[in-house]
Amino acid sequence: MRFFTFILSSLSLITSSALVSAKKDLTETERKTIWSLVNADKSETIWKDKINWHADIWEARKIANREGKPLLIWEMDGHPMGCT
């Protein structure tokens, strides 16, 4: 079993080092192409400008009560990009 574990870890080390050595810098054209694929255009983000976002929960609660609207509280712990 130890030998099998050694072989697997060796193979993963060889594979990862081969991938790292194959890394190349992006050209400006490649960077722009990737950016255009992952970046949302204006038509995809129109909804976020129509929502009145509030950072103060108490103030948002008073506004929701006054307007007769529900209150959505989005809460998470950890880093916003990783939610650890």
N, C-alpha and C. Protein backbone atom coordinates (compact mmCIF):
# COMPACT_ATOMS: atom_id res chain seq x y z
N MET A 1 0.82 -1.20 0.00
CA MET A 1 0.00 0.00 0.00
C MET A 1 0.86 1.26 0.00
N ARG A 2 1.94 1.26 0.73
CA ARG A 2 2.83 2.41 0.77
C ARG A 2 3.48 2.64 -0.59
N PHE A 3 3.80 1.54 -1.25
CA PHE A 3 4.40 1.64 -2.58
C PHE A 3 3.41 2.26 -3.57
N PHE A 4 2.15 1.83 -3.50
CA PHE A 4 1.11 2.35 -4.38
C PHE A 4 0.92 3.86 -4.14
N THR A 5 0.92 4.27 -2.89
CA THR A 5 0.79 5.68 -2.54
C THR A 5 1.99 6.47 -3.06
N PHE A 6 3.17 5.89 -2.95
CA PHE A 6 4.39 6.54 -3.45
C PHE A 6 4.31 6.73 -4.97
N ILE A 7 3.84 5.72 -5.67
CA ILE A 7 3.73 5.80 -7.13
C ILE A 7 2.73 6.89 -7.53
N LEU A 8 1.58 6.92 -6.88
CA LEU A 8 0.57 7.92 -7.19
C LEU A 8 1.06 9.34 -6.92
N SER A 9 1.72 9.54 -5.80
CA SER A 9 2.22 10.88 -5.49
C SER A 9 3.33 11.29 -6.44
N SER A 10 4.16 10.33 -6.86
CA SER A 10 5.23 10.63 -7.82
C SER A 10 4.65 11.04 -9.17
N LEU A 11 3.63 10.30 -9.61
CA LEU A 11 3.00 10.63 -10.89
C LEU A 11 2.34 12.01 -10.85
N SER A 12 1.69 12.34 -9.74
CA SER A 12 1.05 13.65 -9.65
C SER A 12 2.10 14.76 -9.62
N LEU A 13 3.23 14.51 -8.99
CA LEU A 13 4.31 15.50 -8.96
C LEU A 13 4.88 15.72 -10.35
N ILE A 14 5.11 14.64 -11.08
CA ILE A 14 5.64 14.74 -12.45
C ILE A 14 4.64 15.48 -13.34
N THR A 15 3.37 15.14 -13.23
CA THR A 15 2.34 15.78 -14.05
C THR A 15 2.22 17.26 -13.75
N SER A 16 2.21 17.62 -12.47
CA SER A 16 2.06 19.03 -12.12
C SER A 16 3.28 19.83 -12.53
N SER A 17 4.47 19.27 -12.42
CA SER A 17 5.66 20.01 -12.84
C SER A 17 5.69 20.18 -14.35
N ALA A 18 5.16 19.21 -15.10
CA ALA A 18 5.10 19.34 -16.56
C ALA A 18 4.11 20.43 -16.95
N LEU A 19 3.02 20.54 -16.22
CA LEU A 19 2.04 21.58 -16.52
C LEU A 19 2.57 22.97 -16.22
N VAL A 20 3.32 23.08 -15.14
CA VAL A 20 3.89 24.38 -14.76
C VAL A 20 4.93 24.81 -15.77
N SER A 21 5.74 23.89 -16.25
CA SER A 21 6.78 24.25 -17.20
C SER A 21 6.19 24.58 -18.57
N ALA A 22 4.97 24.12 -18.87
CA ALA A 22 4.33 24.38 -20.15
C ALA A 22 3.59 25.72 -20.16
N LYS A 23 3.56 26.42 -19.03
CA LYS A 23 2.85 27.69 -18.92
C LYS A 23 3.50 28.74 -19.80
N LYS A 24 2.66 29.52 -20.49
CA LYS A 24 3.19 30.61 -21.30
C LYS A 24 2.38 31.87 -21.01
N ASP A 25 2.95 33.01 -21.30
CA ASP A 25 2.25 34.26 -21.12
C ASP A 25 1.24 34.45 -22.24
N LEU A 26 0.13 35.10 -21.91
CA LEU A 26 -0.89 35.37 -22.92
C LEU A 26 -0.48 36.56 -23.78
N THR A 27 -0.82 36.48 -25.04
CA THR A 27 -0.63 37.64 -25.90
C THR A 27 -1.76 38.62 -25.62
N GLU A 28 -1.63 39.83 -26.10
CA GLU A 28 -2.66 40.84 -25.88
C GLU A 28 -3.98 40.43 -26.53
N THR A 29 -3.91 39.81 -27.70
CA THR A 29 -5.11 39.34 -28.39
C THR A 29 -5.80 38.24 -27.61
N GLU A 30 -5.03 37.29 -27.08
CA GLU A 30 -5.61 36.21 -26.27
C GLU A 30 -6.25 36.75 -25.00
N ARG A 31 -5.58 37.71 -24.38
CA ARG A 31 -6.11 38.31 -23.15
C ARG A 31 -7.44 39.01 -23.43
N LYS A 32 -7.51 39.77 -24.51
CA LYS A 32 -8.76 40.47 -24.86
C LYS A 32 -9.88 39.49 -25.19
N THR A 33 -9.53 38.41 -25.88
CA THR A 33 -10.54 37.40 -26.22
C THR A 33 -11.11 36.76 -24.96
N ILE A 34 -10.23 36.36 -24.04
CA ILE A 34 -10.68 35.74 -22.78
C ILE A 34 -11.50 36.74 -21.97
N TRP A 35 -11.06 37.98 -21.91
CA TRP A 35 -11.77 39.00 -21.15
C TRP A 35 -13.18 39.20 -21.71
N SER A 36 -13.31 39.23 -23.03
CA SER A 36 -14.64 39.42 -23.62
C SER A 36 -15.56 38.22 -23.37
N LEU A 37 -14.98 37.04 -23.20
CA LEU A 37 -15.79 35.85 -22.94
C LEU A 37 -16.29 35.78 -21.49
N VAL A 38 -15.48 36.22 -20.54
CA VAL A 38 -15.84 36.09 -19.12
C VAL A 38 -16.48 37.35 -18.54
N ASN A 39 -16.31 38.49 -19.18
CA ASN A 39 -16.85 39.73 -18.67
C ASN A 39 -18.27 39.93 -19.21
N ALA A 40 -19.21 40.20 -18.31
CA ALA A 40 -20.60 40.40 -18.71
C ALA A 40 -20.75 41.74 -19.41
N ASP A 41 -21.56 41.76 -20.45
CA ASP A 41 -21.82 43.04 -21.11
C ASP A 41 -22.99 43.74 -20.42
N LYS A 42 -23.28 44.96 -20.84
CA LYS A 42 -24.28 45.80 -20.16
C LYS A 42 -25.66 45.15 -20.14
N SER A 43 -26.04 44.44 -21.21
CA SER A 43 -27.37 43.84 -21.26
C SER A 43 -27.54 42.71 -20.24
N GLU A 44 -26.44 42.13 -19.79
CA GLU A 44 -26.51 41.04 -18.82
C GLU A 44 -26.53 41.53 -17.37
N THR A 45 -26.22 42.79 -17.16
CA THR A 45 -26.14 43.31 -15.79
C THR A 45 -27.12 44.44 -15.52
N ILE A 46 -28.10 44.62 -16.39
CA ILE A 46 -29.09 45.68 -16.23
C ILE A 46 -29.88 45.51 -14.93
N TRP A 47 -30.17 44.29 -14.54
CA TRP A 47 -30.99 44.00 -13.35
C TRP A 47 -30.39 44.57 -12.08
N LYS A 48 -29.05 44.58 -11.96
CA LYS A 48 -28.45 45.02 -10.69
C LYS A 48 -28.58 46.51 -10.46
N ASP A 49 -28.77 47.28 -11.54
CA ASP A 49 -28.95 48.71 -11.39
C ASP A 49 -30.39 49.08 -11.02
N LYS A 50 -31.32 48.15 -11.20
CA LYS A 50 -32.73 48.40 -10.91
C LYS A 50 -33.10 48.06 -9.47
N ILE A 51 -32.20 47.44 -8.74
CA ILE A 51 -32.46 47.05 -7.35
C ILE A 51 -31.83 48.08 -6.41
N ASN A 52 -32.61 48.54 -5.45
CA ASN A 52 -32.07 49.47 -4.45
C ASN A 52 -31.36 48.67 -3.36
N TRP A 53 -30.04 48.53 -3.49
CA TRP A 53 -29.26 47.77 -2.53
C TRP A 53 -29.00 48.63 -1.30
N HIS A 54 -29.08 48.01 -0.12
CA HIS A 54 -28.83 48.73 1.14
C HIS A 54 -27.85 47.93 1.99
N ALA A 55 -26.88 48.60 2.56
CA ALA A 55 -25.92 47.94 3.44
C ALA A 55 -26.39 47.98 4.90
N ASP A 56 -27.25 48.92 5.24
CA ASP A 56 -27.76 49.06 6.60
C ASP A 56 -29.09 48.30 6.71
N ILE A 57 -29.10 47.22 7.47
CA ILE A 57 -30.28 46.35 7.57
C ILE A 57 -31.45 47.10 8.19
N TRP A 58 -31.21 47.89 9.22
CA TRP A 58 -32.30 48.59 9.90
C TRP A 58 -32.96 49.60 8.95
N GLU A 59 -32.14 50.33 8.20
CA GLU A 59 -32.67 51.30 7.24
C GLU A 59 -33.44 50.58 6.13
N ALA A 60 -32.93 49.45 5.66
CA ALA A 60 -33.60 48.67 4.62
C ALA A 60 -34.94 48.13 5.14
N ARG A 61 -34.96 47.73 6.41
CA ARG A 61 -36.21 47.23 7.01
C ARG A 61 -37.27 48.32 7.06
N LYS A 62 -36.87 49.53 7.42
CA LYS A 62 -37.82 50.64 7.49
C LYS A 62 -38.36 50.98 6.09
N ILE A 63 -37.50 50.98 5.10
CA ILE A 63 -37.93 51.28 3.72
C ILE A 63 -38.87 50.19 3.21
N ALA A 64 -38.52 48.92 3.45
CA ALA A 64 -39.37 47.80 3.01
C ALA A 64 -40.74 47.88 3.69
N ASN A 65 -40.77 48.21 4.96
CA ASN A 65 -42.03 48.33 5.69
C ASN A 65 -42.88 49.48 5.13
N ARG A 66 -42.24 50.60 4.89
CA ARG A 66 -42.95 51.78 4.37
C ARG A 66 -43.53 51.50 2.97
N GLU A 67 -42.79 50.76 2.13
CA GLU A 67 -43.23 50.49 0.75
C GLU A 67 -44.05 49.20 0.64
N GLY A 68 -44.18 48.45 1.74
CA GLY A 68 -44.94 47.20 1.71
C GLY A 68 -44.28 46.12 0.89
N LYS A 69 -42.97 46.09 0.90
CA LYS A 69 -42.21 45.11 0.13
C LYS A 69 -41.47 44.16 1.06
N PRO A 70 -41.18 42.96 0.57
CA PRO A 70 -40.41 42.03 1.40
C PRO A 70 -38.95 42.45 1.49
N LEU A 71 -38.27 41.92 2.48
CA LEU A 71 -36.86 42.21 2.69
C LEU A 71 -36.06 40.93 2.50
N LEU A 72 -35.11 40.95 1.60
CA LEU A 72 -34.22 39.81 1.37
C LEU A 72 -32.87 40.12 1.99
N ILE A 73 -32.44 39.26 2.90
CA ILE A 73 -31.12 39.44 3.52
C ILE A 73 -30.21 38.34 2.99
N TRP A 74 -29.18 38.76 2.29
CA TRP A 74 -28.19 37.82 1.76
C TRP A 74 -27.01 37.86 2.72
N GLU A 75 -26.75 36.76 3.38
CA GLU A 75 -25.69 36.70 4.38
C GLU A 75 -24.82 35.49 4.11
N MET A 76 -23.53 35.67 4.24
CA MET A 76 -22.62 34.54 4.10
C MET A 76 -21.40 34.78 4.98
N ASP A 77 -20.72 33.73 5.28
CA ASP A 77 -19.50 33.83 6.08
C ASP A 77 -18.31 33.51 5.19
N GLY A 78 -17.19 34.10 5.52
CA GLY A 78 -15.98 33.81 4.77
C GLY A 78 -15.71 34.83 3.68
N HIS A 79 -14.77 34.52 2.86
CA HIS A 79 -14.36 35.40 1.77
C HIS A 79 -15.44 35.41 0.70
N PRO A 80 -15.80 36.59 0.16
CA PRO A 80 -16.88 36.65 -0.83
C PRO A 80 -16.61 35.85 -2.10
N MET A 81 -15.34 35.59 -2.42
CA MET A 81 -15.04 34.81 -3.62
C MET A 81 -14.88 33.32 -3.33
N GLY A 82 -14.89 32.94 -2.07
CA GLY A 82 -14.67 31.54 -1.76
C GLY A 82 -15.65 30.93 -0.77
N CYS A 83 -16.35 31.77 -0.03
CA CYS A 83 -17.33 31.33 0.96
C CYS A 83 -16.80 30.14 1.78
N THR A 84 -15.73 30.36 2.50
CA THR A 84 -15.07 29.30 3.25
C THR A 84 -15.81 28.91 4.50
